[in-house]
Amino acid sequence: MAASVGKEMEARTMGMALTPEQRFEVFGEHDPAQYDAEVEGRWGHTEAWAEFWRRTRAYSKEDWLRIEAEGEDVEARFAAALAAGA
């Protein structure tokens, strides 16, 4: 139980509603948190960053998987359009 609480606290500290296990299931070896300091340094003072942070920190695992699938679909359609000569 203590480990579960610790993992939940870590996820909340990072500002994500996902547990570390869920982040791994969604992002695999790619950890988007590794760019947090750089991104916040560049855009942390902007209203756009505040809005992005407010929205994404509440995303569930299912939200992230849906977003990933939508992105893959867009990429596939662009590739098909390019292959078709567009």
PDB file of N, CA and C in Angstrom:
ATOM      1  N   MET A   1       0.821  -1.187   0.000  1.00  0.00           N
ATOM      2  CA  MET A   1       0.000   0.000   0.000  1.00  0.00           C
ATOM      3  C   MET A   1       0.867   1.253   0.000  1.00  0.00           C
ATOM      4  N   ALA A   2       1.950   1.224   0.749  1.00  0.00           N
ATOM      5  CA  ALA A   2       2.843   2.375   0.799  1.00  0.00           C
ATOM      6  C   ALA A   2       3.447   2.650  -0.573  1.00  0.00           C
ATOM      7  N   ALA A   3       3.778   1.600  -1.306  1.00  0.00           N
ATOM      8  CA  ALA A   3       4.335   1.779  -2.654  1.00  0.00           C
ATOM      9  C   ALA A   3       3.315   2.417  -3.575  1.00  0.00           C
ATOM     10  N   SER A   4       2.067   1.997  -3.474  1.00  0.00           N
ATOM     11  CA  SER A   4       1.012   2.576  -4.311  1.00  0.00           C
ATOM     12  C   SER A   4       0.828   4.051  -4.006  1.00  0.00           C
ATOM     13  N   VAL A   5       0.828   4.391  -2.722  1.00  0.00           N
ATOM     14  CA  VAL A   5       0.684   5.796  -2.338  1.00  0.00           C
ATOM     15  C   VAL A   5       1.874   6.594  -2.852  1.00  0.00           C
ATOM     16  N   GLY A   6       3.060   6.040  -2.744  1.00  0.00           N
ATOM     17  CA  GLY A   6       4.255   6.720  -3.240  1.00  0.00           C
ATOM     18  C   GLY A   6       4.194   6.969  -4.734  1.00  0.00           C
ATOM     19  N   LYS A   7       3.726   5.994  -5.480  1.00  0.00           N
ATOM     20  CA  LYS A   7       3.614   6.152  -6.930  1.00  0.00           C
ATOM     21  C   LYS A   7       2.570   7.196  -7.288  1.00  0.00           C
ATOM     22  N   GLU A   8       1.471   7.209  -6.566  1.00  0.00           N
ATOM     23  CA  GLU A   8       0.433   8.206  -6.812  1.00  0.00           C
ATOM     24  C   GLU A   8       0.952   9.597  -6.493  1.00  0.00           C
ATOM     25  N   MET A   9       1.709   9.741  -5.407  1.00  0.00           N
ATOM     26  CA  MET A   9       2.275  11.041  -5.044  1.00  0.00           C
ATOM     27  C   MET A   9       3.269  11.499  -6.105  1.00  0.00           C
ATOM     28  N   GLU A  10       4.070  10.577  -6.625  1.00  0.00           N
ATOM     29  CA  GLU A  10       5.027  10.924  -7.680  1.00  0.00           C
ATOM     30  C   GLU A  10       4.297  11.425  -8.915  1.00  0.00           C
ATOM     31  N   ALA A  11       3.237  10.737  -9.305  1.00  0.00           N
ATOM     32  CA  ALA A  11       2.473  11.140 -10.485  1.00  0.00           C
ATOM     33  C   ALA A  11       1.874  12.528 -10.275  1.00  0.00           C
ATOM     34  N   ARG A  12       1.325  12.780  -9.110  1.00  0.00           N
ATOM     35  CA  ARG A  12       0.723  14.082  -8.833  1.00  0.00           C
ATOM     36  C   ARG A  12       1.781  15.172  -8.790  1.00  0.00           C
ATOM     37  N   THR A  13       2.952  14.872  -8.239  1.00  0.00           N
ATOM     38  CA  THR A  13       4.030  15.843  -8.187  1.00  0.00           C
ATOM     39  C   THR A  13       4.455  16.238  -9.592  1.00  0.00           C
ATOM     40  N   MET A  14       4.457  15.271 -10.493  1.00  0.00           N
ATOM     41  CA  MET A  14       4.831  15.553 -11.874  1.00  0.00           C
ATOM     42  C   MET A  14       3.703  16.245 -12.618  1.00  0.00           C
ATOM     43  N   GLY A  15       2.558  16.394 -11.989  1.00  0.00           N
ATOM     44  CA  GLY A  15       1.460  17.101 -12.617  1.00  0.00           C
ATOM     45  C   GLY A  15       0.631  16.252 -13.552  1.00  0.00           C
ATOM     46  N   MET A  16       0.810  14.963 -13.511  1.00  0.00           N
ATOM     47  CA  MET A  16       0.066  14.083 -14.400  1.00  0.00           C
ATOM     48  C   MET A  16      -0.876  13.223 -13.580  1.00  0.00           C
ATOM     49  N   ALA A  17      -2.023  12.946 -14.141  1.00  0.00           N
ATOM     50  CA  ALA A  17      -2.992  12.087 -13.472  1.00  0.00           C
ATOM     51  C   ALA A  17      -2.611  10.618 -13.633  1.00  0.00           C
ATOM     52  N   LEU A  18      -1.560  10.341 -14.366  1.00  0.00           N
ATOM     53  CA  LEU A  18      -1.149   8.961 -14.621  1.00  0.00           C
ATOM     54  C   LEU A  18      -0.152   8.488 -13.569  1.00  0.00           C
ATOM     55  N   THR A  19      -0.251   7.226 -13.228  1.00  0.00           N
ATOM     56  CA  THR A  19       0.756   6.616 -12.376  1.00  0.00           C
ATOM     57  C   THR A  19       1.992   6.352 -13.243  1.00  0.00           C
ATOM     58  N   PRO A  20       3.139   6.091 -12.631  1.00  0.00           N
ATOM     59  CA  PRO A  20       4.324   5.756 -13.431  1.00  0.00           C
ATOM     60  C   PRO A  20       4.084   4.576 -14.374  1.00  0.00           C
ATOM     61  N   GLU A  21       3.335   3.567 -13.922  1.00  0.00           N
ATOM     62  CA  GLU A  21       3.050   2.408 -14.784  1.00  0.00           C
ATOM     63  C   GLU A  21       2.207   2.816 -15.988  1.00  0.00           C
ATOM     64  N   GLN A  22       1.205   3.664 -15.755  1.00  0.00           N
ATOM     65  CA  GLN A  22       0.361   4.122 -16.854  1.00  0.00           C
ATOM     66  C   GLN A  22       1.165   4.978 -17.832  1.00  0.00           C
ATOM     67  N   ARG A  23       2.049   5.832 -17.313  1.00  0.00           N
ATOM     68  CA  ARG A  23       2.898   6.638 -18.214  1.00  0.00           C
ATOM     69  C   ARG A  23       3.724   5.720 -19.110  1.00  0.00           C
ATOM     70  N   PHE A  24       4.273   4.631 -18.524  1.00  0.00           N
ATOM     71  CA  PHE A  24       5.061   3.695 -19.316  1.00  0.00           C
ATOM     72  C   PHE A  24       4.193   3.021 -20.365  1.00  0.00           C
ATOM     73  N   GLU A  25       2.963   2.640 -19.988  1.00  0.00           N
ATOM     74  CA  GLU A  25       2.056   1.993 -20.942  1.00  0.00           C
ATOM     75  C   GLU A  25       1.735   2.931 -22.103  1.00  0.00           C
ATOM     76  N   VAL A  26       1.608   4.222 -21.836  1.00  0.00           N
ATOM     77  CA  VAL A  26       1.259   5.182 -22.879  1.00  0.00           C
ATOM     78  C   VAL A  26       2.483   5.596 -23.682  1.00  0.00           C
ATOM     79  N   PHE A  27       3.567   5.973 -23.011  1.00  0.00           N
ATOM     80  CA  PHE A  27       4.717   6.575 -23.676  1.00  0.00           C
ATOM     81  C   PHE A  27       5.884   5.628 -23.896  1.00  0.00           C
ATOM     82  N   GLY A  28       5.827   4.435 -23.309  1.00  0.00           N
ATOM     83  CA  GLY A  28       6.931   3.496 -23.456  1.00  0.00           C
ATOM     84  C   GLY A  28       8.196   4.049 -22.830  1.00  0.00           C
ATOM     85  N   GLU A  29       9.311   3.817 -23.472  1.00  0.00           N
ATOM     86  CA  GLU A  29      10.600   4.277 -22.956  1.00  0.00           C
ATOM     87  C   GLU A  29      10.745   5.792 -23.053  1.00  0.00           C
ATOM     88  N   HIS A  30       9.949   6.430 -23.916  1.00  0.00           N
ATOM     89  CA  HIS A  30      10.007   7.889 -24.059  1.00  0.00           C
ATOM     90  C   HIS A  30       9.319   8.524 -22.862  1.00  0.00           C
ATOM     91  N   ASP A  31      10.059   9.290 -22.092  1.00  0.00           N
ATOM     92  CA  ASP A  31       9.500   9.957 -20.922  1.00  0.00           C
ATOM     93  C   ASP A  31       9.407  11.444 -21.213  1.00  0.00           C
ATOM     94  N   PRO A  32       8.211  11.944 -21.504  1.00  0.00           N
ATOM     95  CA  PRO A  32       8.090  13.363 -21.830  1.00  0.00           C
ATOM     96  C   PRO A  32       8.504  14.283 -20.687  1.00  0.00           C
ATOM     97  N   ALA A  33       8.517  13.778 -19.459  1.00  0.00           N
ATOM     98  CA  ALA A  33       8.904  14.601 -18.315  1.00  0.00           C
ATOM     99  C   ALA A  33      10.360  15.042 -18.391  1.00  0.00           C
ATOM    100  N   GLN A  34      11.173  14.340 -19.193  1.00  0.00           N
ATOM    101  CA  GLN A  34      12.578  14.713 -19.295  1.00  0.00           C
ATOM    102  C   GLN A  34      12.763  16.091 -19.933  1.00  0.00           C
ATOM    103  N   TYR A  35      11.732  16.593 -20.594  1.00  0.00           N
ATOM    104  CA  TYR A  35      11.814  17.902 -21.236  1.00  0.00           C
ATOM    105  C   TYR A  35      11.132  19.010 -20.439  1.00  0.00           C
ATOM    106  N   ASP A  36      10.592  18.678 -19.278  1.00  0.00           N
ATOM    107  CA  ASP A  36       9.823  19.652 -18.499  1.00  0.00           C
ATOM    108  C   ASP A  36      10.604  20.937 -18.216  1.00  0.00           C
ATOM    109  N   ALA A  37      11.830  20.822 -17.753  1.00  0.00           N
ATOM    110  CA  ALA A  37      12.609  22.017 -17.400  1.00  0.00           C
ATOM    111  C   ALA A  37      12.857  22.892 -18.623  1.00  0.00           C
ATOM    112  N   GLU A  38      13.217  22.283 -19.749  1.00  0.00           N
ATOM    113  CA  GLU A  38      13.464  23.047 -20.978  1.00  0.00           C
ATOM    114  C   GLU A  38      12.204  23.751 -21.458  1.00  0.00           C
ATOM    115  N   VAL A  39      11.106  23.016 -21.492  1.00  0.00           N
ATOM    116  CA  VAL A  39       9.844  23.580 -21.967  1.00  0.00           C
ATOM    117  C   VAL A  39       9.374  24.708 -21.061  1.00  0.00           C
ATOM    118  N   GLU A  40       9.447  24.471 -19.760  1.00  0.00           N
ATOM    119  CA  GLU A  40       9.014  25.513 -18.828  1.00  0.00           C
ATOM    120  C   GLU A  40       9.914  26.736 -18.918  1.00  0.00           C
ATOM    121  N   GLY A  41      11.198  26.516 -19.139  1.00  0.00           N
ATOM    122  CA  GLY A  41      12.120  27.638 -19.300  1.00  0.00           C
ATOM    123  C   GLY A  41      11.811  28.472 -20.528  1.00  0.00           C
ATOM    124  N   ARG A  42      11.416  27.835 -21.596  1.00  0.00           N
ATOM    125  CA  ARG A  42      11.113  28.556 -22.841  1.00  0.00           C
ATOM    126  C   ARG A  42       9.737  29.199 -22.833  1.00  0.00           C
ATOM    127  N   TRP A  43       8.734  28.455 -22.349  1.00  0.00           N
ATOM    128  CA  TRP A  43       7.351  28.915 -22.495  1.00  0.00           C
ATOM    129  C   TRP A  43       6.582  29.016 -21.178  1.00  0.00           C
ATOM    130  N   GLY A  44       7.237  28.715 -20.062  1.00  0.00           N
ATOM    131  CA  GLY A  44       6.554  28.681 -18.785  1.00  0.00           C
ATOM    132  C   GLY A  44       5.901  29.988 -18.375  1.00  0.00           C
ATOM    133  N   HIS A  45       6.325  31.074 -18.943  1.00  0.00           N
ATOM    134  CA  HIS A  45       5.777  32.389 -18.597  1.00  0.00           C
ATOM    135  C   HIS A  45       4.577  32.784 -19.456  1.00  0.00           C
ATOM    136  N   THR A  46       4.223  31.942 -20.419  1.00  0.00           N
ATOM    137  CA  THR A  46       3.166  32.315 -21.352  1.00  0.00           C
ATOM    138  C   THR A  46       1.798  31.792 -20.920  1.00  0.00           C
ATOM    139  N   GLU A  47       0.778  32.461 -21.396  1.00  0.00           N
ATOM    140  CA  GLU A  47      -0.585  32.022 -21.126  1.00  0.00           C
ATOM    141  C   GLU A  47      -0.860  30.681 -21.812  1.00  0.00           C
ATOM    142  N   ALA A  48      -0.281  30.484 -22.993  1.00  0.00           N
ATOM    143  CA  ALA A  48      -0.472  29.222 -23.720  1.00  0.00           C
ATOM    144  C   ALA A  48       0.065  28.047 -22.896  1.00  0.00           C
ATOM    145  N   TRP A  49       1.223  28.225 -22.258  1.00  0.00           N
ATOM    146  CA  TRP A  49       1.788  27.161 -21.425  1.00  0.00           C
ATOM    147  C   TRP A  49       0.869  26.859 -20.248  1.00  0.00           C
ATOM    148  N   ALA A  50       0.354  27.887 -19.609  1.00  0.00           N
ATOM    149  CA  ALA A  50      -0.540  27.691 -18.473  1.00  0.00           C
ATOM    150  C   ALA A  50      -1.782  26.899 -18.894  1.00  0.00           C
ATOM    151  N   GLU A  51      -2.315  27.217 -20.062  1.00  0.00           N
ATOM    152  CA  GLU A  51      -3.497  26.506 -20.561  1.00  0.00           C
ATOM    153  C   GLU A  51      -3.152  25.055 -20.894  1.00  0.00           C
ATOM    154  N   PHE A  52      -2.023  24.852 -21.559  1.00  0.00           N
ATOM    155  CA  PHE A  52      -1.570  23.494 -21.884  1.00  0.00           C
ATOM    156  C   PHE A  52      -1.417  22.676 -20.606  1.00  0.00           C
ATOM    157  N   TRP A  53      -0.745  23.232 -19.609  1.00  0.00           N
ATOM    158  CA  TRP A  53      -0.493  22.521 -18.366  1.00  0.00           C
ATOM    159  C   TRP A  53      -1.804  22.195 -17.660  1.00  0.00           C
ATOM    160  N   ARG A  54      -2.728  23.163 -17.625  1.00  0.00           N
ATOM    161  CA  ARG A  54      -4.012  22.957 -16.967  1.00  0.00           C
ATOM    162  C   ARG A  54      -4.779  21.809 -17.620  1.00  0.00           C
ATOM    163  N   ARG A  55      -4.760  21.770 -18.940  1.00  0.00           N
ATOM    164  CA  ARG A  55      -5.522  20.733 -19.642  1.00  0.00           C
ATOM    165  C   ARG A  55      -4.869  19.358 -19.549  1.00  0.00           C
ATOM    166  N   THR A  56      -3.602  19.264 -19.868  1.00  0.00           N
ATOM    167  CA  THR A  56      -2.956  17.959 -19.996  1.00  0.00           C
ATOM    168  C   THR A  56      -2.729  17.261 -18.674  1.00  0.00           C
ATOM    169  N   ARG A  57      -2.578  17.983 -17.590  1.00  0.00           N
ATOM    170  CA  ARG A  57      -2.322  17.310 -16.324  1.00  0.00           C
ATOM    171  C   ARG A  57      -3.516  16.498 -15.837  1.00  0.00           C
ATOM    172  N   ALA A  58      -4.688  16.770 -16.394  1.00  0.00           N
ATOM    173  CA  ALA A  58      -5.879  16.020 -16.006  1.00  0.00           C
ATOM    174  C   ALA A  58      -6.190  14.876 -16.969  1.00  0.00           C
ATOM    175  N   TYR A  59      -5.409  14.723 -18.044  1.00  0.00           N
ATOM    176  CA  TYR A  59      -5.685  13.660 -19.004  1.00  0.00           C
ATOM    177  C   TYR A  59      -5.508  12.290 -18.359  1.00  0.00           C
ATOM    178  N   SER A  60      -6.405  11.396 -18.671  1.00  0.00           N
ATOM    179  CA  SER A  60      -6.314  10.019 -18.196  1.00  0.00           C
ATOM    180  C   SER A  60      -5.471   9.201 -19.178  1.00  0.00           C
ATOM    181  N   LYS A  61      -5.199   7.985 -18.808  1.00  0.00           N
ATOM    182  CA  LYS A  61      -4.484   7.066 -19.698  1.00  0.00           C
ATOM    183  C   LYS A  61      -5.250   6.924 -21.003  1.00  0.00           C
ATOM    184  N   GLU A  62      -6.569   6.787 -20.925  1.00  0.00           N
ATOM    185  CA  GLU A  62      -7.393   6.631 -22.122  1.00  0.00           C
ATOM    186  C   GLU A  62      -7.315   7.883 -23.002  1.00  0.00           C
ATOM    187  N   ASP A  63      -7.282   9.062 -22.390  1.00  0.00           N
ATOM    188  CA  ASP A  63      -7.144  10.299 -23.165  1.00  0.00           C
ATOM    189  C   ASP A  63      -5.842  10.296 -23.954  1.00  0.00           C
ATOM    190  N   TRP A  64      -4.739   9.951 -23.273  1.00  0.00           N
ATOM    191  CA  TRP A  64      -3.441   9.943 -23.944  1.00  0.00           C
ATOM    192  C   TRP A  64      -3.402   8.903 -25.065  1.00  0.00           C
ATOM    193  N   LEU A  65      -3.981   7.733 -24.829  1.00  0.00           N
ATOM    194  CA  LEU A  65      -3.997   6.706 -25.879  1.00  0.00           C
ATOM    195  C   LEU A  65      -4.833   7.153 -27.078  1.00  0.00           C
ATOM    196  N   ARG A  66      -5.950   7.819 -26.820  1.00  0.00           N
ATOM    197  CA  ARG A  66      -6.783   8.349 -27.906  1.00  0.00           C
ATOM    198  C   ARG A  66      -6.014   9.401 -28.692  1.00  0.00           C
ATOM    199  N   ILE A  67      -5.336  10.307 -28.012  1.00  0.00           N
ATOM    200  CA  ILE A  67      -4.557  11.358 -28.673  1.00  0.00           C
ATOM    201  C   ILE A  67      -3.450  10.740 -29.518  1.00  0.00           C
ATOM    202  N   GLU A  68      -2.786   9.729 -28.972  1.00  0.00           N
ATOM    203  CA  GLU A  68      -1.729   9.049 -29.714  1.00  0.00           C
ATOM    204  C   GLU A  68      -2.290   8.382 -30.977  1.00  0.00           C
ATOM    205  N   ALA A  69      -3.435   7.721 -30.856  1.00  0.00           N
ATOM    206  CA  ALA A  69      -4.062   7.058 -32.004  1.00  0.00           C
ATOM    207  C   ALA A  69      -4.479   8.083 -33.059  1.00  0.00           C
ATOM    208  N   GLU A  70      -5.022   9.212 -32.634  1.00  0.00           N
ATOM    209  CA  GLU A  70      -5.409  10.262 -33.576  1.00  0.00           C
ATOM    210  C   GLU A  70      -4.184  10.791 -34.327  1.00  0.00           C
ATOM    211  N   GLY A  71      -3.082  10.973 -33.604  1.00  0.00           N
ATOM    212  CA  GLY A  71      -1.852  11.432 -34.244  1.00  0.00           C
ATOM    213  C   GLY A  71      -1.321  10.436 -35.262  1.00  0.00           C
ATOM    214  N   GLU A  72      -1.367   9.166 -34.908  1.00  0.00           N
ATOM    215  CA  GLU A  72      -0.918   8.128 -35.845  1.00  0.00           C
ATOM    216  C   GLU A  72      -1.804   8.093 -37.080  1.00  0.00           C
ATOM    217  N   ASP A  73      -3.105   8.305 -36.901  1.00  0.00           N
ATOM    218  CA  ASP A  73      -4.031   8.334 -38.033  1.00  0.00           C
ATOM    219  C   ASP A  73      -3.719   9.503 -38.961  1.00  0.00           C
ATOM    220  N   VAL A  74      -3.464  10.670 -38.393  1.00  0.00           N
ATOM    221  CA  VAL A  74      -3.123  11.848 -39.204  1.00  0.00           C
ATOM    222  C   VAL A  74      -1.839  11.591 -39.986  1.00  0.00           C
ATOM    223  N   GLU A  75      -0.824  11.048 -39.313  1.00  0.00           N
ATOM    224  CA  GLU A  75       0.433  10.745 -39.993  1.00  0.00           C
ATOM    225  C   GLU A  75       0.230   9.744 -41.137  1.00  0.00           C
ATOM    226  N   ALA A  76      -0.571   8.724 -40.911  1.00  0.00           N
ATOM    227  CA  ALA A  76      -0.836   7.716 -41.948  1.00  0.00           C
ATOM    228  C   ALA A  76      -1.550   8.350 -43.142  1.00  0.00           C
ATOM    229  N   ARG A  77      -2.498   9.242 -42.881  1.00  0.00           N
ATOM    230  CA  ARG A  77      -3.204   9.889 -43.984  1.00  0.00           C
ATOM    231  C   ARG A  77      -2.293  10.836 -44.754  1.00  0.00           C
ATOM    232  N   PHE A  78      -1.406  11.544 -44.051  1.00  0.00           N
ATOM    233  CA  PHE A  78      -0.435  12.386 -44.755  1.00  0.00           C
ATOM    234  C   PHE A  78       0.490  11.544 -45.626  1.00  0.00           C
ATOM    235  N   ALA A  79       0.969  10.434 -45.086  1.00  0.00           N
ATOM    236  CA  ALA A  79       1.837   9.553 -45.859  1.00  0.00           C
ATOM    237  C   ALA A  79       1.134   9.011 -47.086  1.00  0.00           C
ATOM    238  N   ALA A  80      -0.132   8.632 -46.932  1.00  0.00           N
ATOM    239  CA  ALA A  80      -0.903   8.123 -48.067  1.00  0.00           C
ATOM    240  C   ALA A  80      -1.099   9.225 -49.108  1.00  0.00           C
ATOM    241  N   ALA A  81      -1.368  10.440 -48.662  1.00  0.00           N
ATOM    242  CA  ALA A  81      -1.550  11.544 -49.593  1.00  0.00           C
ATOM    243  C   ALA A  81      -0.268  11.835 -50.350  1.00  0.00           C
ATOM    244  N   LEU A  82       0.866  11.807 -49.654  1.00  0.00           N
ATOM    245  CA  LEU A  82       2.152  12.017 -50.328  1.00  0.00           C
ATOM    246  C   LEU A  82       2.450  10.911 -51.310  1.00  0.00           C
ATOM    247  N   ALA A  83       2.164   9.679 -50.916  1.00  0.00           N
ATOM    248  CA  ALA A  83       2.412   8.538 -51.795  1.00  0.00           C
ATOM    249  C   ALA A  83       1.527   8.607 -53.040  1.00  0.00           C
ATOM    250  N   ALA A  84       0.345   9.229 -52.902  1.00  0.00           N
ATOM    251  CA  ALA A  84      -0.578   9.363 -54.018  1.00  0.00           C
ATOM    252  C   ALA A  84      -0.243  10.568 -54.900  1.00  0.00           C
ATOM    253  N   GLY A  85       0.807  11.300 -54.507  1.00  0.00           N
ATOM    254  CA  GLY A  85       1.253  12.421 -55.335  1.00  0.00           C
ATOM    255  C   GLY A  85       0.696  13.770 -54.932  1.00  0.00           C
ATOM    256  N   ALA A  86       0.042  13.867 -53.819  1.00  0.00           N
ATOM    257  CA  ALA A  86      -0.515  15.158 -53.380  1.00  0.00           C
ATOM    258  C   ALA A  86       0.587  16.094 -52.915  1.00  0.00           C
TER     259      ALA A  86
END
